[in-house]
Amino acid sequence: MTVVVNPVSGVGRQKKIEKLLRDNLNLDMFDYDVVYTEHIHHGTDLARAAADRGRDVVVAVGGDGSVNDVIAGLKDSPSRLGIIPCGSGNGLARCLGLPLTPAFAIRVLNQYKEDCIDTIVLNDKYIIASIAGVGFDAYVARLMRSAKTRGLPAYMNLMLREYATYECKDYKFYLDGNEVPHERSAWFISIANSNQFGYAAAIAPQAKLDDGLIDVSVVDKVPLEHIPVSVPLLYANHIELSQHVEIFKAHEVLLTGNVDKWVNIDGEGENVGKELHFVNHHHSLNILGRDKAVPLIIRKEKMPELAQKIISKIESRR
């Protein structure tokens, strides 16, 4: 196992990762090394090198952007992705049902529950595991690239600052090769593999990571007086009930009209282009998921004596 750590991601929970690994990882199962990213997208190179060395698991420690970098490095390899969420939004980890506490996320790795999920490929180059977006979504992600601080407060401050001045754009999108486009003026459009942005905000409530489909959420600019209704729907997994949201499903999406060229790719802004071609790649990413029926137990030698006795009794009754 190779553990790829982004030392500057999220809110700083990754700083104690080596001690957490020693205390929580099953060392009878895993031989591991820890490597640290030194610049943007360095995680891709580190993950690719680990896969080339035959590492069966490559673990991303960081937020959705860090996870995306590792996924790009695992492309076309049999290596499995593990996630220790230490970012701010942690959208993919939330959708997978992973614990957001790093120690518990490490214990999930001990379960070694092999699974396979979809990815979305954009313009035959960019891989999306969770969500992409154009419009206001991408504009804020672009501004976050140069922000001095990360996390929900910084994200919300940017949104509130830019909300009034950012106007809807005109888009056309073609679903599954249909020659007749859908034409919409939208504040932003989300292209979703998982169900959420992060922060438990579900922009595509019915999206599933393994259904072979892309969920396209088209969002109008919500009037200020409607925000008290729309925001609770976002966090209640029912944003589709809002009059300002329309959701489509497809295997393939061609979107034109991205005039500012920026796309939010798993939480990070990228300058991609005006024409965007998204294709779902079914079951293209091997991962270590979570078996919720199995308790997240640490290594026995790290347990208090009483806890060891309890576990021994449970195991003797199996």
C-alpha atoms as a PDB file:
ATOM      1  CA  MET A   1       0.000   0.000   0.000  1.00  0.00           C
ATOM      2  CA  THR A   2       1.131   3.541  -0.785  1.00  0.00           C
ATOM      3  CA  VAL A   3      -0.453   6.457   1.067  1.00  0.00           C
ATOM      4  CA  VAL A   4      -0.427   9.737  -0.885  1.00  0.00           C
ATOM      5  CA  VAL A   5      -0.830  12.740   1.415  1.00  0.00           C
ATOM      6  CA  ASN A   6      -1.643  16.281   0.372  1.00  0.00           C
ATOM      7  CA  PRO A   7      -0.094  18.231   3.284  1.00  0.00           C
ATOM      8  CA  VAL A   8      -2.011  21.443   2.543  1.00  0.00           C
ATOM      9  CA  SER A   9      -5.511  20.145   1.789  1.00  0.00           C
ATOM     10  CA  GLY A  10      -8.681  20.882   3.668  1.00  0.00           C
ATOM     11  CA  VAL A  11      -8.611  21.829   7.307  1.00  0.00           C
ATOM     12  CA  GLY A  12      -5.358  20.261   8.511  1.00  0.00           C
ATOM     13  CA  ARG A  13      -6.515  16.853   9.746  1.00  0.00           C
ATOM     14  CA  GLN A  14      -3.919  15.141   7.548  1.00  0.00           C
ATOM     15  CA  LYS A  15      -0.990  16.403   9.663  1.00  0.00           C
ATOM     16  CA  LYS A  16      -1.054  13.464  12.095  1.00  0.00           C
ATOM     17  CA  ILE A  17      -1.595  10.810   9.444  1.00  0.00           C
ATOM     18  CA  GLU A  18       1.544   8.752  10.102  1.00  0.00           C
ATOM     19  CA  LYS A  19       0.661   8.248  13.776  1.00  0.00           C
ATOM     20  CA  LEU A  20      -2.947   7.450  12.859  1.00  0.00           C
ATOM     21  CA  LEU A  21      -1.748   4.812  10.411  1.00  0.00           C
ATOM     22  CA  ARG A  22       0.493   3.201  13.023  1.00  0.00           C
ATOM     23  CA  ASP A  23      -2.341   3.148  15.556  1.00  0.00           C
ATOM     24  CA  ASN A  24      -5.213   2.007  13.317  1.00  0.00           C
ATOM     25  CA  LEU A  25      -3.956   0.159  10.243  1.00  0.00           C
ATOM     26  CA  ASN A  26      -3.774  -3.640  10.389  1.00  0.00           C
ATOM     27  CA  LEU A  27      -0.056  -4.171   9.933  1.00  0.00           C
ATOM     28  CA  ASP A  28      -0.571  -7.900   9.501  1.00  0.00           C
ATOM     29  CA  MET A  29      -2.441  -7.077   6.279  1.00  0.00           C
ATOM     30  CA  PHE A  30      -0.560  -4.083   4.925  1.00  0.00           C
ATOM     31  CA  ASP A  31       3.017  -3.146   4.183  1.00  0.00           C
ATOM     32  CA  TYR A  32       2.829   0.565   3.482  1.00  0.00           C
ATOM     33  CA  ASP A  33       4.801   3.665   2.667  1.00  0.00           C
ATOM     34  CA  VAL A  34       3.777   7.318   2.925  1.00  0.00           C
ATOM     35  CA  VAL A  35       4.588   9.923   0.268  1.00  0.00           C
ATOM     36  CA  TYR A  36       3.762  13.643   0.242  1.00  0.00           C
ATOM     37  CA  THR A  37       2.705  15.852  -2.654  1.00  0.00           C
ATOM     38  CA  GLU A  38       4.882  18.892  -3.322  1.00  0.00           C
ATOM     39  CA  HIS A  39       2.929  20.740  -5.999  1.00  0.00           C
ATOM     40  CA  ILE A  40      -0.405  20.753  -7.830  1.00  0.00           C
ATOM     41  CA  HIS A  41      -1.273  17.409  -9.466  1.00  0.00           C
ATOM     42  CA  HIS A  42       1.859  15.798  -7.982  1.00  0.00           C
ATOM     43  CA  GLY A  43      -0.494  13.170  -6.524  1.00  0.00           C
ATOM     44  CA  THR A  44      -1.086  11.860 -10.041  1.00  0.00           C
ATOM     45  CA  ASP A  45       2.613  11.160 -10.552  1.00  0.00           C
ATOM     46  CA  LEU A  46       2.985   9.566  -7.120  1.00  0.00           C
ATOM     47  CA  ALA A  47      -0.064   7.343  -7.629  1.00  0.00           C
ATOM     48  CA  ARG A  48       1.094   6.273 -11.093  1.00  0.00           C
ATOM     49  CA  ALA A  49       4.528   5.385  -9.729  1.00  0.00           C
ATOM     50  CA  ALA A  50       2.930   3.330  -6.943  1.00  0.00           C
ATOM     51  CA  ALA A  51       0.709   1.488  -9.415  1.00  0.00           C
ATOM     52  CA  ASP A  52       3.694   0.819 -11.666  1.00  0.00           C
ATOM     53  CA  ARG A  53       5.500  -0.716  -8.676  1.00  0.00           C
ATOM     54  CA  GLY A  54       2.591  -3.119  -8.267  1.00  0.00           C
ATOM     55  CA  ARG A  55       1.036  -1.573  -5.168  1.00  0.00           C
ATOM     56  CA  ASP A  56      -2.403  -3.183  -4.810  1.00  0.00           C
ATOM     57  CA  VAL A  57      -3.825  -0.190  -2.903  1.00  0.00           C
ATOM     58  CA  VAL A  58      -3.079   3.521  -3.283  1.00  0.00           C
ATOM     59  CA  VAL A  59      -4.686   5.692  -0.612  1.00  0.00           C
ATOM     60  CA  ALA A  60      -5.514   9.363  -1.139  1.00  0.00           C
ATOM     61  CA  VAL A  61      -5.313  11.532   1.991  1.00  0.00           C
ATOM     62  CA  GLY A  62      -6.942  14.889   1.362  1.00  0.00           C
ATOM     63  CA  GLY A  63     -10.062  16.371  -0.200  1.00  0.00           C
ATOM     64  CA  ASP A  64     -11.864  15.653  -3.458  1.00  0.00           C
ATOM     65  CA  GLY A  65      -9.161  17.366  -5.532  1.00  0.00           C
ATOM     66  CA  SER A  66      -6.468  15.217  -3.939  1.00  0.00           C
ATOM     67  CA  VAL A  67      -8.556  12.099  -4.517  1.00  0.00           C
ATOM     68  CA  ASN A  68      -9.048  13.107  -8.157  1.00  0.00           C
ATOM     69  CA  ASP A  69      -5.283  13.424  -8.647  1.00  0.00           C
ATOM     70  CA  VAL A  70      -4.711   9.906  -7.310  1.00  0.00           C
ATOM     71  CA  ILE A  71      -7.502   8.503  -9.487  1.00  0.00           C
ATOM     72  CA  ALA A  72      -5.870  10.025 -12.571  1.00  0.00           C
ATOM     73  CA  GLY A  73      -2.647   8.226 -11.649  1.00  0.00           C
ATOM     74  CA  LEU A  74      -4.472   4.893 -11.302  1.00  0.00           C
ATOM     75  CA  LYS A  75      -5.997   5.050 -14.789  1.00  0.00           C
ATOM     76  CA  ASP A  76      -5.823   1.669 -16.572  1.00  0.00           C
ATOM     77  CA  SER A  77      -4.175  -0.005 -13.578  1.00  0.00           C
ATOM     78  CA  PRO A  78      -5.579  -2.802 -11.367  1.00  0.00           C
ATOM     79  CA  SER A  79      -4.656  -0.900  -8.193  1.00  0.00           C
ATOM     80  CA  ARG A  80      -7.451  -0.084  -5.778  1.00  0.00           C
ATOM     81  CA  LEU A  81      -8.228   3.380  -4.487  1.00  0.00           C
ATOM     82  CA  GLY A  82      -8.510   3.950  -0.757  1.00  0.00           C
ATOM     83  CA  ILE A  83      -9.657   7.254   0.747  1.00  0.00           C
ATOM     84  CA  ILE A  84      -8.843   8.917   4.046  1.00  0.00           C
ATOM     85  CA  PRO A  85     -10.942  12.097   3.800  1.00  0.00           C
ATOM     86  CA  CYS A  86      -9.115  15.151   5.147  1.00  0.00           C
ATOM     87  CA  GLY A  87     -10.550  17.846   2.916  1.00  0.00           C
ATOM     88  CA  SER A  88     -13.348  20.299   3.483  1.00  0.00           C
ATOM     89  CA  GLY A  89     -16.169  19.003   1.259  1.00  0.00           C
ATOM     90  CA  ASN A  90     -15.260  15.298   0.926  1.00  0.00           C
ATOM     91  CA  GLY A  91     -18.065  14.674  -1.567  1.00  0.00           C
ATOM     92  CA  LEU A  92     -16.911  11.277  -2.860  1.00  0.00           C
ATOM     93  CA  ALA A  93     -16.151   9.956   0.625  1.00  0.00           C
ATOM     94  CA  ARG A  94     -19.596  11.029   1.827  1.00  0.00           C
ATOM     95  CA  CYS A  95     -21.293   9.380  -1.151  1.00  0.00           C
ATOM     96  CA  LEU A  96     -19.388   6.148  -0.446  1.00  0.00           C
ATOM     97  CA  GLY A  97     -20.496   6.246   3.185  1.00  0.00           C
ATOM     98  CA  LEU A  98     -16.929   6.500   4.491  1.00  0.00           C
ATOM     99  CA  PRO A  99     -16.276   7.945   7.956  1.00  0.00           C
ATOM    100  CA  LEU A 100     -14.999  11.507   7.913  1.00  0.00           C
ATOM    101  CA  THR A 101     -12.825  10.895  10.969  1.00  0.00           C
ATOM    102  CA  PRO A 102      -9.411   9.802   9.593  1.00  0.00           C
ATOM    103  CA  ALA A 103      -8.840   7.111  12.244  1.00  0.00           C
ATOM    104  CA  PHE A 104     -12.132   5.421  11.370  1.00  0.00           C
ATOM    105  CA  ALA A 105     -11.476   5.792   7.637  1.00  0.00           C
ATOM    106  CA  ILE A 106      -8.190   3.926   8.152  1.00  0.00           C
ATOM    107  CA  ARG A 107     -10.063   1.123   9.909  1.00  0.00           C
ATOM    108  CA  VAL A 108     -12.321   0.846   6.859  1.00  0.00           C
ATOM    109  CA  LEU A 109      -9.208  -0.025   4.851  1.00  0.00           C
ATOM    110  CA  ASN A 110      -8.702  -3.015   7.176  1.00  0.00           C
ATOM    111  CA  GLN A 111     -12.019  -4.440   5.943  1.00  0.00           C
ATOM    112  CA  TYR A 112     -10.538  -4.703   2.444  1.00  0.00           C
ATOM    113  CA  LYS A 113     -13.994  -4.559   0.852  1.00  0.00           C
ATOM    114  CA  GLU A 114     -13.291  -4.542  -2.875  1.00  0.00           C
ATOM    115  CA  ASP A 115     -15.734  -2.654  -5.062  1.00  0.00           C
ATOM    116  CA  CYS A 116     -15.908  -0.948  -8.443  1.00  0.00           C
ATOM    117  CA  ILE A 117     -17.457   2.404  -9.367  1.00  0.00           C
ATOM    118  CA  ASP A 118     -17.968   4.487 -12.496  1.00  0.00           C
ATOM    119  CA  THR A 119     -15.966   7.487 -13.569  1.00  0.00           C
ATOM    120  CA  ILE A 120     -16.772  10.246 -16.064  1.00  0.00           C
ATOM    121  CA  VAL A 121     -14.177  11.206 -18.660  1.00  0.00           C
ATOM    122  CA  LEU A 122     -14.217  14.784 -19.968  1.00  0.00           C
ATOM    123  CA  ASN A 123     -12.808  15.546 -23.426  1.00  0.00           C
ATOM    124  CA  ASP A 124     -10.849  12.263 -23.394  1.00  0.00           C
ATOM    125  CA  LYS A 125      -8.497  13.798 -20.815  1.00  0.00           C
ATOM    126  CA  TYR A 126      -9.968  14.650 -17.421  1.00  0.00           C
ATOM    127  CA  ILE A 127     -11.330  12.002 -15.057  1.00  0.00           C
ATOM    128  CA  ILE A 128     -14.233  12.864 -12.756  1.00  0.00           C
ATOM    129  CA  ALA A 129     -15.090  10.573  -9.867  1.00  0.00           C
ATOM    130  CA  SER A 130     -17.609  12.733  -8.083  1.00  0.00           C
ATOM    131  CA  ILE A 131     -18.920  15.835  -9.827  1.00  0.00           C
ATOM    132  CA  ALA A 132     -18.139  18.465 -12.443  1.00  0.00           C
ATOM    133  CA  GLY A 133     -19.837  21.755 -13.131  1.00  0.00           C
ATOM    134  CA  VAL A 134     -19.946  24.844 -15.322  1.00  0.00           C
ATOM    135  CA  GLY A 135     -21.230  28.332 -14.647  1.00  0.00           C
ATOM    136  CA  PHE A 136     -21.253  29.773 -11.135  1.00  0.00           C
ATOM    137  CA  ASP A 137     -20.040  26.473  -9.689  1.00  0.00           C
ATOM    138  CA  ALA A 138     -16.897  26.551 -11.840  1.00  0.00           C
ATOM    139  CA  TYR A 139     -16.442  30.285 -11.289  1.00  0.00           C
ATOM    140  CA  VAL A 140     -16.257  29.817  -7.507  1.00  0.00           C
ATOM    141  CA  ALA A 141     -13.957  26.796  -7.895  1.00  0.00           C
ATOM    142  CA  ARG A 142     -11.686  28.971 -10.044  1.00  0.00           C
ATOM    143  CA  LEU A 143     -11.558  31.664  -7.351  1.00  0.00           C
ATOM    144  CA  MET A 144     -10.851  29.039  -4.675  1.00  0.00           C
ATOM    145  CA  ARG A 145      -7.627  28.104  -6.473  1.00  0.00           C
ATOM    146  CA  SER A 146      -6.047  31.339  -5.286  1.00  0.00           C
ATOM    147  CA  ALA A 147      -7.841  31.562  -1.930  1.00  0.00           C
ATOM    148  CA  LYS A 148      -5.566  31.718   1.118  1.00  0.00           C
ATOM    149  CA  THR A 149      -7.883  29.521   3.192  1.00  0.00           C
ATOM    150  CA  ARG A 150      -9.996  26.459   2.387  1.00  0.00           C
ATOM    151  CA  GLY A 151     -13.079  24.971   3.979  1.00  0.00           C
ATOM    152  CA  LEU A 152     -16.785  25.769   4.100  1.00  0.00           C
ATOM    153  CA  PRO A 153     -16.481  29.311   5.569  1.00  0.00           C
ATOM    154  CA  ALA A 154     -14.117  30.394   2.788  1.00  0.00           C
ATOM    155  CA  TYR A 155     -16.339  28.774   0.142  1.00  0.00           C
ATOM    156  CA  MET A 156     -19.493  30.421   1.526  1.00  0.00           C
ATOM    157  CA  ASN A 157     -17.801  33.827   1.713  1.00  0.00           C
ATOM    158  CA  LEU A 158     -16.880  33.597  -1.963  1.00  0.00           C
ATOM    159  CA  MET A 159     -20.387  32.503  -2.929  1.00  0.00           C
ATOM    160  CA  LEU A 160     -22.016  35.346  -1.024  1.00  0.00           C
ATOM    161  CA  ARG A 161     -19.573  37.887  -2.418  1.00  0.00           C
ATOM    162  CA  GLU A 162     -20.111  36.858  -6.053  1.00  0.00           C
ATOM    163  CA  TYR A 163     -23.772  35.805  -5.941  1.00  0.00           C
ATOM    164  CA  ALA A 164     -25.370  39.090  -6.959  1.00  0.00           C
ATOM    165  CA  THR A 165     -23.139  39.857  -9.945  1.00  0.00           C
ATOM    166  CA  TYR A 166     -22.797  36.458 -11.643  1.00  0.00           C
ATOM    167  CA  GLU A 167     -25.409  36.130 -14.398  1.00  0.00           C
ATOM    168  CA  CYS A 168     -26.934  33.060 -16.042  1.00  0.00           C
ATOM    169  CA  LYS A 169     -25.346  31.795 -19.266  1.00  0.00           C
ATOM    170  CA  ASP A 170     -26.951  30.132 -22.299  1.00  0.00           C
ATOM    171  CA  TYR A 171     -26.068  26.467 -22.810  1.00  0.00           C
ATOM    172  CA  LYS A 172     -26.921  23.658 -25.199  1.00  0.00           C
ATOM    173  CA  PHE A 173     -26.473  20.029 -24.232  1.00  0.00           C
ATOM    174  CA  TYR A 174     -26.993  16.872 -26.238  1.00  0.00           C
ATOM    175  CA  LEU A 175     -27.802  13.615 -24.436  1.00  0.00           C
ATOM    176  CA  ASP A 176     -26.658  10.212 -25.727  1.00  0.00           C
ATOM    177  CA  GLY A 177     -25.919  11.464 -29.243  1.00  0.00           C
ATOM    178  CA  ASN A 178     -29.359  12.983 -29.802  1.00  0.00           C
ATOM    179  CA  GLU A 179     -29.114  15.582 -32.567  1.00  0.00           C
ATOM    180  CA  VAL A 180     -31.766  17.791 -30.948  1.00  0.00           C
ATOM    181  CA  PRO A 181     -30.229  19.754 -28.064  1.00  0.00           C
ATOM    182  CA  HIS A 182     -31.730  20.896 -24.803  1.00  0.00           C
ATOM    183  CA  GLU A 183     -31.317  24.664 -24.679  1.00  0.00           C
ATOM    184  CA  ARG A 184     -31.259  26.288 -21.255  1.00  0.00           C
ATOM    185  CA  SER A 185     -30.222  29.520 -19.597  1.00  0.00           C
ATOM    186  CA  ALA A 186     -28.625  28.366 -16.358  1.00  0.00           C
ATOM    187  CA  TRP A 187     -26.795  29.737 -13.351  1.00  0.00           C
ATOM    188  CA  PHE A 188     -24.808  26.543 -13.275  1.00  0.00           C
ATOM    189  CA  ILE A 189     -24.992  22.978 -14.594  1.00  0.00           C
ATOM    190  CA  SER A 190     -23.683  20.012 -12.618  1.00  0.00           C
ATOM    191  CA  ILE A 191     -22.468  16.819 -14.286  1.00  0.00           C
ATOM    192  CA  ALA A 192     -22.728  14.255 -11.507  1.00  0.00           C
ATOM    193  CA  ASN A 193     -21.392  10.776 -10.886  1.00  0.00           C
ATOM    194  CA  SER A 194     -21.919  10.995  -7.116  1.00  0.00           C
ATOM    195  CA  ASN A 195     -24.895  12.674  -5.542  1.00  0.00           C
ATOM    196  CA  GLN A 196     -23.267  15.733  -4.021  1.00  0.00           C
ATOM    197  CA  PHE A 197     -20.863  18.646  -4.069  1.00  0.00           C
ATOM    198  CA  GLY A 198     -19.607  17.849  -0.595  1.00  0.00           C
ATOM    199  CA  TYR A 199     -20.579  19.312   2.774  1.00  0.00           C
ATOM    200  CA  ALA A 200     -23.622  16.947   2.509  1.00  0.00           C
ATOM    201  CA  ALA A 201     -25.159  19.191  -0.183  1.00  0.00           C
ATOM    202  CA  ALA A 202     -26.880  16.795  -2.621  1.00  0.00           C
ATOM    203  CA  ILE A 203     -27.203  18.429  -6.045  1.00  0.00           C
ATOM    204  CA  ALA A 204     -28.111  15.124  -7.772  1.00  0.00           C
ATOM    205  CA  PRO A 205     -30.064  13.131  -5.150  1.00  0.00           C
ATOM    206  CA  GLN A 206     -30.690  10.081  -7.333  1.00  0.00           C
ATOM    207  CA  ALA A 207     -27.153   9.746  -8.700  1.00  0.00           C
ATOM    208  CA  LYS A 208     -25.369   6.463  -8.039  1.00  0.00           C
ATOM    209  CA  LEU A 209     -21.696   5.724  -8.413  1.00  0.00           C
ATOM    210  CA  ASP A 210     -22.200   2.435 -10.249  1.00  0.00           C
ATOM    211  CA  ASP A 211     -25.314   2.840 -12.438  1.00  0.00           C
ATOM    212  CA  GLY A 212     -23.532   3.711 -15.697  1.00  0.00           C
ATOM    213  CA  LEU A 213     -25.299   7.079 -15.870  1.00  0.00           C
ATOM    214  CA  ILE A 214     -24.493  10.769 -15.628  1.00  0.00           C
ATOM    215  CA  ASP A 215     -26.958  13.005 -13.761  1.00  0.00           C
ATOM    216  CA  VAL A 216     -27.220  16.479 -15.293  1.00  0.00           C
ATOM    217  CA  SER A 217     -28.608  19.062 -12.860  1.00  0.00           C
ATOM    218  CA  VAL A 218     -29.570  22.367 -14.509  1.00  0.00           C
ATOM    219  CA  VAL A 219     -29.964  25.121 -11.925  1.00  0.00           C
ATOM    220  CA  ASP A 220     -31.499  28.569 -12.390  1.00  0.00           C
ATOM    221  CA  LYS A 221     -30.363  31.517 -10.319  1.00  0.00           C
ATOM    222  CA  VAL A 222     -32.472  31.244  -7.186  1.00  0.00           C
ATOM    223  CA  PRO A 223     -34.131  34.529  -6.168  1.00  0.00           C
ATOM    224  CA  LEU A 224     -33.145  35.677  -2.702  1.00  0.00           C
ATOM    225  CA  GLU A 225     -36.679  35.215  -1.400  1.00  0.00           C
ATOM    226  CA  HIS A 226     -36.632  31.530  -2.490  1.00  0.00           C
ATOM    227  CA  ILE A 227     -33.323  30.646  -0.813  1.00  0.00           C
ATOM    228  CA  PRO A 228     -34.975  29.728   2.543  1.00  0.00           C
ATOM    229  CA  VAL A 229     -36.859  26.984   0.662  1.00  0.00           C
ATOM    230  CA  SER A 230     -34.205  25.832  -1.831  1.00  0.00           C
ATOM    231  CA  VAL A 231     -31.263  25.451   0.590  1.00  0.00           C
ATOM    232  CA  PRO A 232     -33.106  23.038   2.944  1.00  0.00           C
ATOM    233  CA  LEU A 233     -34.094  20.953  -0.100  1.00  0.00           C
ATOM    234  CA  LEU A 234     -30.416  20.766  -1.081  1.00  0.00           C
ATOM    235  CA  TYR A 235     -29.478  19.320   2.308  1.00  0.00           C
ATOM    236  CA  ALA A 236     -32.560  17.090   2.553  1.00  0.00           C
ATOM    237  CA  ASN A 237     -31.672  15.207  -0.688  1.00  0.00           C
ATOM    238  CA  HIS A 238     -34.714  16.634  -2.471  1.00  0.00           C
ATOM    239  CA  ILE A 239     -33.387  19.490  -4.591  1.00  0.00           C
ATOM    240  CA  GLU A 240     -35.295  17.992  -7.545  1.00  0.00           C
ATOM    241  CA  LEU A 241     -38.475  19.377  -5.913  1.00  0.00           C
ATOM    242  CA  SER A 242     -37.251  22.942  -6.422  1.00  0.00           C
ATOM    243  CA  GLN A 243     -38.835  24.869  -9.272  1.00  0.00           C
ATOM    244  CA  HIS A 244     -35.346  26.152 -10.095  1.00  0.00           C
ATOM    245  CA  VAL A 245     -33.796  22.730 -10.808  1.00  0.00           C
ATOM    246  CA  GLU A 246     -34.219  20.292 -13.710  1.00  0.00           C
ATOM    247  CA  ILE A 247     -32.417  16.931 -13.779  1.00  0.00           C
ATOM    248  CA  PHE A 248     -31.630  14.675 -16.759  1.00  0.00           C
ATOM    249  CA  LYS A 249     -29.882  11.299 -16.989  1.00  0.00           C
ATOM    250  CA  ALA A 250     -27.656  10.037 -19.811  1.00  0.00           C
ATOM    251  CA  HIS A 251     -24.614   7.875 -20.581  1.00  0.00           C
ATOM    252  CA  GLU A 252     -22.997  10.658 -22.613  1.00  0.00           C
ATOM    253  CA  VAL A 253     -23.349  14.449 -22.589  1.00  0.00           C
ATOM    254  CA  LEU A 254     -22.075  17.032 -25.073  1.00  0.00           C
ATOM    255  CA  LEU A 255     -22.341  20.556 -23.660  1.00  0.00           C
ATOM    256  CA  THR A 256     -21.669  23.785 -25.550  1.00  0.00           C
ATOM    257  CA  GLY A 257     -21.766  27.424 -24.493  1.00  0.00           C
ATOM    258  CA  ASN A 258     -19.192  27.278 -21.710  1.00  0.00           C
ATOM    259  CA  VAL A 259     -18.056  30.776 -22.609  1.00  0.00           C
ATOM    260  CA  ASP A 260     -15.632  31.304 -19.726  1.00  0.00           C
ATOM    261  CA  LYS A 261     -13.999  27.877 -20.411  1.00  0.00           C
ATOM    262  CA  TRP A 262     -13.710  26.924 -16.726  1.00  0.00           C
ATOM    263  CA  VAL A 263     -15.018  23.661 -15.265  1.00  0.00           C
ATOM    264  CA  ASN A 264     -15.233  22.562 -11.652  1.00  0.00           C
ATOM    265  CA  ILE A 265     -13.688  19.065 -11.628  1.00  0.00           C
ATOM    266  CA  ASP A 266     -14.121  17.336  -8.276  1.00  0.00           C
ATOM    267  CA  GLY A 267     -13.846  20.630  -6.443  1.00  0.00           C
ATOM    268  CA  GLU A 268     -10.948  22.117  -8.420  1.00  0.00           C
ATOM    269  CA  GLY A 269     -11.255  24.728 -11.180  1.00  0.00           C
ATOM    270  CA  GLU A 270      -9.715  23.812 -14.551  1.00  0.00           C
ATOM    271  CA  ASN A 271      -9.578  25.806 -17.789  1.00  0.00           C
ATOM    272  CA  VAL A 272     -10.968  23.199 -20.206  1.00  0.00           C
ATOM    273  CA  GLY A 273     -12.763  24.870 -23.120  1.00  0.00           C
ATOM    274  CA  LYS A 274     -16.098  25.979 -24.553  1.00  0.00           C
ATOM    275  CA  GLU A 275     -17.196  22.530 -25.783  1.00  0.00           C
ATOM    276  CA  LEU A 276     -17.363  19.738 -23.233  1.00  0.00           C
ATOM    277  CA  HIS A 277     -17.849  16.040 -23.933  1.00  0.00           C
ATOM    278  CA  PHE A 278     -18.639  13.871 -20.902  1.00  0.00           C
ATOM    279  CA  VAL A 279     -18.749  10.065 -21.137  1.00  0.00           C
ATOM    280  CA  ASN A 280     -19.569   7.634 -18.338  1.00  0.00           C
ATOM    281  CA  HIS A 281     -17.026   4.804 -18.039  1.00  0.00           C
ATOM    282  CA  HIS A 282     -18.911   2.063 -16.248  1.00  0.00           C
ATOM    283  CA  HIS A 283     -17.093   0.218 -13.433  1.00  0.00           C
ATOM    284  CA  SER A 284     -13.755   1.748 -14.400  1.00  0.00           C
ATOM    285  CA  LEU A 285     -12.299   2.416 -10.936  1.00  0.00           C
ATOM    286  CA  ASN A 286     -11.389  -0.242  -8.368  1.00  0.00           C
ATOM    287  CA  ILE A 287     -11.863   0.968  -4.799  1.00  0.00           C
ATOM    288  CA  LEU A 288     -11.870  -0.148  -1.204  1.00  0.00           C
ATOM    289  CA  GLY A 289     -15.342   0.581   0.126  1.00  0.00           C
ATOM    290  CA  ARG A 290     -16.998   0.086   3.491  1.00  0.00           C
ATOM    291  CA  ASP A 291     -18.881  -2.890   4.894  1.00  0.00           C
ATOM    292  CA  LYS A 292     -21.231  -1.204   7.352  1.00  0.00           C
ATOM    293  CA  ALA A 293     -22.109  -4.558   8.906  1.00  0.00           C
ATOM    294  CA  VAL A 294     -18.556  -4.901  10.228  1.00  0.00           C
ATOM    295  CA  PRO A 295     -17.530  -2.821  13.278  1.00  0.00           C
ATOM    296  CA  LEU A 296     -14.545  -0.526  12.866  1.00  0.00           C
ATOM    297  CA  ILE A 297     -12.222  -2.226  15.370  1.00  0.00           C
ATOM    298  CA  ILE A 298      -8.606  -1.183  15.862  1.00  0.00           C
ATOM    299  CA  ARG A 299      -5.713  -3.619  16.154  1.00  0.00           C
ATOM    300  CA  LYS A 300      -5.960  -5.724  19.300  1.00  0.00           C
ATOM    301  CA  GLU A 301      -2.596  -4.716  20.728  1.00  0.00           C
ATOM    302  CA  LYS A 302      -3.795  -1.102  20.787  1.00  0.00           C
ATOM    303  CA  MET A 303      -6.960  -1.860  22.772  1.00  0.00           C
ATOM    304  CA  PRO A 304      -7.388  -1.544  26.527  1.00  0.00           C
ATOM    305  CA  GLU A 305      -7.386  -4.918  28.298  1.00  0.00           C
ATOM    306  CA  LEU A 306     -11.156  -4.865  28.908  1.00  0.00           C
ATOM    307  CA  ALA A 307     -11.885  -4.166  25.232  1.00  0.00           C
ATOM    308  CA  GLN A 308      -9.637  -7.077  24.221  1.00  0.00           C
ATOM    309  CA  LYS A 309     -11.596  -9.410  26.497  1.00  0.00           C
ATOM    310  CA  ILE A 310     -14.908  -8.287  24.975  1.00  0.00           C
ATOM    311  CA  ILE A 311     -13.661  -8.835  21.432  1.00  0.00           C
ATOM    312  CA  SER A 312     -12.246 -12.264  22.362  1.00  0.00           C
ATOM    313  CA  LYS A 313     -15.657 -13.310  23.732  1.00  0.00           C
ATOM    314  CA  ILE A 314     -17.407 -12.157  20.581  1.00  0.00           C
ATOM    315  CA  GLU A 315     -14.984 -14.048  18.360  1.00  0.00           C
ATOM    316  CA  SER A 316     -15.270 -17.227  20.466  1.00  0.00           C
ATOM    317  CA  ARG A 317     -19.031 -17.311  19.872  1.00  0.00           C
ATOM    318  CA  ARG A 318     -18.748 -17.190  16.080  1.00  0.00           C
END
